[in-house]
């Protein structure tokens, strides 16, 4: 295995992390932004108000996309294991 192969593996790993984390992070960002706008317009400055909707939305996204995420990660892992023999030589 040369440097280019190692760089390709690392690039692929970072891309997989971004693909798998993006739905959760985007959901938390959007929910937090909406709650912040509502807090600003109603002058409610309760810090715990953002916690429950964010957790609920993240759990919902995990329930909806958890199967896809697991399948995607399993496919990536399978591809990595298929590369092992080519790295040995």
N, C-alpha and C. Protein backbone atom coordinates (compact mmCIF):
# COMPACT_ATOMS: atom_id res chain seq x y z
N UNK A 1 0.85 -1.17 0.00
CA UNK A 1 0.00 0.00 0.00
C UNK A 1 0.90 1.24 0.00
N UNK A 2 0.61 2.15 -0.90
CA UNK A 2 1.41 3.36 -0.98
C UNK A 2 0.65 4.54 -0.37
N UNK A 3 1.26 5.69 -0.46
CA UNK A 3 0.68 6.88 0.16
C UNK A 3 -0.64 7.27 -0.50
N UNK A 4 -0.74 7.09 -1.79
CA UNK A 4 -1.96 7.44 -2.51
C UNK A 4 -3.13 6.56 -2.05
N UNK A 5 -2.86 5.28 -1.83
CA UNK A 5 -3.91 4.38 -1.35
C UNK A 5 -4.36 4.76 0.06
N UNK A 6 -3.41 5.09 0.91
CA UNK A 6 -3.75 5.51 2.28
C UNK A 6 -4.55 6.80 2.27
N UNK A 7 -4.16 7.73 1.41
CA UNK A 7 -4.90 9.00 1.31
C UNK A 7 -6.31 8.76 0.79
N UNK A 8 -6.46 7.84 -0.16
CA UNK A 8 -7.80 7.52 -0.68
C UNK A 8 -8.67 6.88 0.40
N UNK A 9 -8.08 6.01 1.21
CA UNK A 9 -8.82 5.40 2.31
C UNK A 9 -9.27 6.45 3.33
N UNK A 10 -8.39 7.37 3.66
CA UNK A 10 -8.74 8.41 4.62
C UNK A 10 -9.79 9.36 4.06
N UNK A 11 -9.67 9.69 2.80
CA UNK A 11 -10.67 10.55 2.16
C UNK A 11 -12.03 9.87 2.15
N UNK A 12 -12.03 8.59 1.82
CA UNK A 12 -13.29 7.84 1.83
C UNK A 12 -13.90 7.76 3.22
N UNK A 13 -13.06 7.60 4.24
CA UNK A 13 -13.56 7.52 5.61
C UNK A 13 -14.18 8.85 6.04
N UNK A 14 -13.51 9.95 5.73
CA UNK A 14 -14.05 11.26 6.09
C UNK A 14 -15.36 11.52 5.35
N UNK A 15 -15.42 11.12 4.09
CA UNK A 15 -16.65 11.30 3.31
C UNK A 15 -17.79 10.48 3.90
N UNK A 16 -17.50 9.26 4.31
CA UNK A 16 -18.53 8.42 4.94
C UNK A 16 -19.03 9.04 6.24
N UNK A 17 -18.12 9.58 7.03
CA UNK A 17 -18.51 10.24 8.28
C UNK A 17 -19.42 11.42 7.99
N UNK A 18 -19.07 12.21 6.99
CA UNK A 18 -19.91 13.36 6.65
C UNK A 18 -21.28 12.94 6.16
N UNK A 19 -21.32 11.90 5.34
CA UNK A 19 -22.60 11.43 4.81
C UNK A 19 -23.49 10.90 5.93
N UNK A 20 -22.92 10.17 6.87
CA UNK A 20 -23.71 9.59 7.95
C UNK A 20 -24.11 10.62 9.01
N UNK A 21 -23.27 11.62 9.25
CA UNK A 21 -23.57 12.60 10.30
C UNK A 21 -24.41 13.76 9.80
N UNK A 22 -24.42 14.01 8.51
CA UNK A 22 -25.10 15.18 7.96
C UNK A 22 -26.60 15.25 8.31
N UNK A 23 -27.38 14.18 8.14
CA UNK A 23 -28.81 14.31 8.47
C UNK A 23 -29.06 14.69 9.93
N UNK A 24 -28.28 14.14 10.83
CA UNK A 24 -28.46 14.43 12.25
C UNK A 24 -28.06 15.87 12.55
N UNK A 25 -26.92 16.28 12.03
CA UNK A 25 -26.44 17.63 12.30
C UNK A 25 -27.31 18.70 11.66
N UNK A 26 -27.77 18.45 10.45
CA UNK A 26 -28.64 19.42 9.79
C UNK A 26 -29.97 19.54 10.52
N UNK A 27 -30.50 18.42 10.98
CA UNK A 27 -31.75 18.45 11.74
C UNK A 27 -31.58 19.26 13.02
N UNK A 28 -30.52 19.01 13.76
CA UNK A 28 -30.27 19.76 14.99
C UNK A 28 -30.08 21.24 14.71
N UNK A 29 -29.40 21.56 13.62
CA UNK A 29 -29.19 22.95 13.26
C UNK A 29 -30.49 23.66 12.93
N UNK A 30 -31.33 23.01 12.13
CA UNK A 30 -32.60 23.63 11.73
C UNK A 30 -33.53 23.79 12.92
N UNK A 31 -33.65 22.76 13.74
CA UNK A 31 -34.51 22.85 14.92
C UNK A 31 -34.00 23.91 15.88
N UNK A 32 -32.71 23.96 16.10
CA UNK A 32 -32.15 24.98 16.97
C UNK A 32 -32.38 26.39 16.45
N UNK A 33 -32.26 26.57 15.13
CA UNK A 33 -32.50 27.87 14.53
C UNK A 33 -33.95 28.30 14.67
N UNK A 34 -34.87 27.37 14.42
CA UNK A 34 -36.29 27.68 14.55
C UNK A 34 -36.63 28.04 15.99
N UNK A 35 -36.14 27.27 16.94
CA UNK A 35 -36.40 27.55 18.35
C UNK A 35 -35.79 28.89 18.75
N UNK A 36 -34.61 29.19 18.26
CA UNK A 36 -33.96 30.46 18.58
C UNK A 36 -34.75 31.65 18.03
N UNK A 37 -35.28 31.49 16.82
CA UNK A 37 -36.11 32.55 16.25
C UNK A 37 -37.37 32.73 17.07
N UNK A 38 -37.99 31.62 17.47
CA UNK A 38 -39.19 31.72 18.32
C UNK A 38 -38.87 32.36 19.66
N UNK A 39 -37.73 32.03 20.25
CA UNK A 39 -37.33 32.63 21.52
C UNK A 39 -37.08 34.13 21.36
N UNK A 40 -36.49 34.51 20.25
CA UNK A 40 -36.21 35.93 20.03
C UNK A 40 -37.48 36.74 19.81
N UNK A 41 -38.44 36.15 19.11
CA UNK A 41 -39.67 36.88 18.83
C UNK A 41 -40.60 36.94 20.05
N UNK A 42 -40.54 35.95 20.91
CA UNK A 42 -41.43 35.94 22.08
C UNK A 42 -40.73 36.39 23.35
N UNK A 43 -39.44 36.70 23.28
CA UNK A 43 -38.64 37.14 24.43
C UNK A 43 -38.60 36.10 25.55
N UNK A 44 -38.73 34.84 25.19
CA UNK A 44 -38.57 33.76 26.17
C UNK A 44 -37.10 33.35 26.11
N UNK A 45 -36.39 33.50 27.19
CA UNK A 45 -34.96 33.20 27.23
C UNK A 45 -34.68 31.98 28.10
N UNK A 46 -35.42 30.94 27.89
CA UNK A 46 -35.23 29.70 28.65
C UNK A 46 -34.24 28.82 27.89
N UNK A 47 -33.13 28.47 28.54
CA UNK A 47 -32.07 27.70 27.88
C UNK A 47 -32.48 26.25 27.62
N UNK A 48 -33.31 25.70 28.48
CA UNK A 48 -33.69 24.30 28.32
C UNK A 48 -34.76 24.10 27.25
N UNK A 49 -35.33 25.17 26.74
CA UNK A 49 -36.39 25.06 25.75
C UNK A 49 -35.88 24.44 24.44
N UNK A 50 -34.64 24.66 24.10
CA UNK A 50 -34.11 24.11 22.86
C UNK A 50 -33.71 22.64 23.00
N UNK A 51 -33.48 22.19 24.22
CA UNK A 51 -32.96 20.84 24.44
C UNK A 51 -33.96 19.76 24.03
N UNK A 52 -35.17 19.84 24.50
CA UNK A 52 -36.16 18.78 24.25
C UNK A 52 -36.52 18.67 22.77
N UNK A 53 -36.83 19.76 22.05
CA UNK A 53 -37.12 19.61 20.62
C UNK A 53 -35.94 19.06 19.81
N UNK A 54 -34.72 19.48 20.17
CA UNK A 54 -33.55 18.96 19.45
C UNK A 54 -33.39 17.46 19.67
N UNK A 55 -33.50 17.03 20.91
CA UNK A 55 -33.36 15.59 21.21
C UNK A 55 -34.46 14.80 20.52
N UNK A 56 -35.69 15.31 20.57
CA UNK A 56 -36.81 14.61 19.94
C UNK A 56 -36.62 14.52 18.43
N UNK A 57 -36.17 15.60 17.81
CA UNK A 57 -35.97 15.57 16.36
C UNK A 57 -34.81 14.66 15.97
N UNK A 58 -33.75 14.64 16.77
CA UNK A 58 -32.62 13.75 16.48
C UNK A 58 -33.04 12.29 16.62
N UNK A 59 -33.82 11.98 17.65
CA UNK A 59 -34.32 10.61 17.82
C UNK A 59 -35.23 10.21 16.66
N UNK A 60 -36.05 11.14 16.18
CA UNK A 60 -36.92 10.87 15.04
C UNK A 60 -36.10 10.59 13.78
N UNK A 61 -35.10 11.40 13.54
CA UNK A 61 -34.24 11.19 12.37
C UNK A 61 -33.51 9.86 12.47
N UNK A 62 -33.01 9.52 13.66
CA UNK A 62 -32.35 8.23 13.84
C UNK A 62 -33.32 7.07 13.62
N UNK A 63 -34.56 7.23 14.06
CA UNK A 63 -35.56 6.18 13.85
C UNK A 63 -35.89 6.03 12.37
N UNK A 64 -35.97 7.15 11.66
CA UNK A 64 -36.32 7.11 10.24
C UNK A 64 -35.15 6.66 9.36
N UNK A 65 -33.95 7.15 9.66
CA UNK A 65 -32.81 6.89 8.79
C UNK A 65 -31.80 5.90 9.36
N UNK A 66 -32.10 5.34 10.53
CA UNK A 66 -31.15 4.43 11.16
C UNK A 66 -30.84 3.21 10.31
N UNK A 67 -31.84 2.66 9.67
CA UNK A 67 -31.63 1.50 8.80
C UNK A 67 -30.74 1.82 7.62
N UNK A 68 -31.02 2.98 7.00
CA UNK A 68 -30.19 3.41 5.87
C UNK A 68 -28.76 3.66 6.32
N UNK A 69 -28.59 4.28 7.49
CA UNK A 69 -27.25 4.56 8.00
C UNK A 69 -26.48 3.27 8.27
N UNK A 70 -27.15 2.31 8.89
CA UNK A 70 -26.50 1.03 9.18
C UNK A 70 -26.12 0.31 7.89
N UNK A 71 -27.02 0.30 6.91
CA UNK A 71 -26.74 -0.35 5.63
C UNK A 71 -25.57 0.32 4.93
N UNK A 72 -25.55 1.64 4.95
CA UNK A 72 -24.47 2.39 4.31
C UNK A 72 -23.12 2.10 4.98
N UNK A 73 -23.12 2.07 6.30
CA UNK A 73 -21.89 1.78 7.04
C UNK A 73 -21.45 0.34 6.84
N UNK A 74 -22.40 -0.59 6.79
CA UNK A 74 -22.05 -2.00 6.56
C UNK A 74 -21.47 -2.20 5.16
N UNK A 75 -22.01 -1.49 4.17
CA UNK A 75 -21.48 -1.59 2.82
C UNK A 75 -20.06 -1.02 2.75
N UNK A 76 -19.82 0.09 3.42
CA UNK A 76 -18.48 0.67 3.45
C UNK A 76 -17.50 -0.29 4.13
N UNK A 77 -17.92 -0.90 5.23
CA UNK A 77 -17.07 -1.84 5.94
C UNK A 77 -16.77 -3.06 5.08
N UNK A 78 -17.77 -3.54 4.35
CA UNK A 78 -17.56 -4.67 3.45
C UNK A 78 -16.54 -4.33 2.38
N UNK A 79 -16.63 -3.10 1.81
CA UNK A 79 -15.66 -2.67 0.81
C UNK A 79 -14.25 -2.60 1.39
N UNK A 80 -14.14 -2.15 2.64
CA UNK A 80 -12.82 -2.10 3.28
C UNK A 80 -12.24 -3.50 3.45
N UNK A 81 -13.07 -4.44 3.89
CA UNK A 81 -12.58 -5.81 4.06
C UNK A 81 -12.20 -6.44 2.73
N UNK A 82 -12.86 -6.06 1.65
CA UNK A 82 -12.50 -6.58 0.33
C UNK A 82 -11.14 -6.02 -0.13
N UNK A 83 -10.75 -4.88 0.40
CA UNK A 83 -9.47 -4.27 0.02
C UNK A 83 -8.27 -4.86 0.76
N UNK A 84 -8.52 -5.59 1.82
CA UNK A 84 -7.42 -6.12 2.64
C UNK A 84 -6.45 -6.99 1.82
N UNK A 85 -6.92 -7.93 1.01
CA UNK A 85 -5.94 -8.74 0.25
C UNK A 85 -5.07 -7.92 -0.69
N UNK A 86 -5.62 -6.88 -1.28
CA UNK A 86 -4.82 -6.07 -2.19
C UNK A 86 -3.79 -5.21 -1.44
N UNK A 87 -4.04 -4.94 -0.18
CA UNK A 87 -3.08 -4.15 0.61
C UNK A 87 -1.91 -5.00 1.09
N UNK A 88 -2.11 -6.30 1.21
CA UNK A 88 -1.05 -7.17 1.72
C UNK A 88 0.10 -7.33 0.72
N UNK A 89 -0.23 -7.21 -0.55
CA UNK A 89 0.81 -7.47 -1.56
C UNK A 89 1.60 -6.30 -1.99
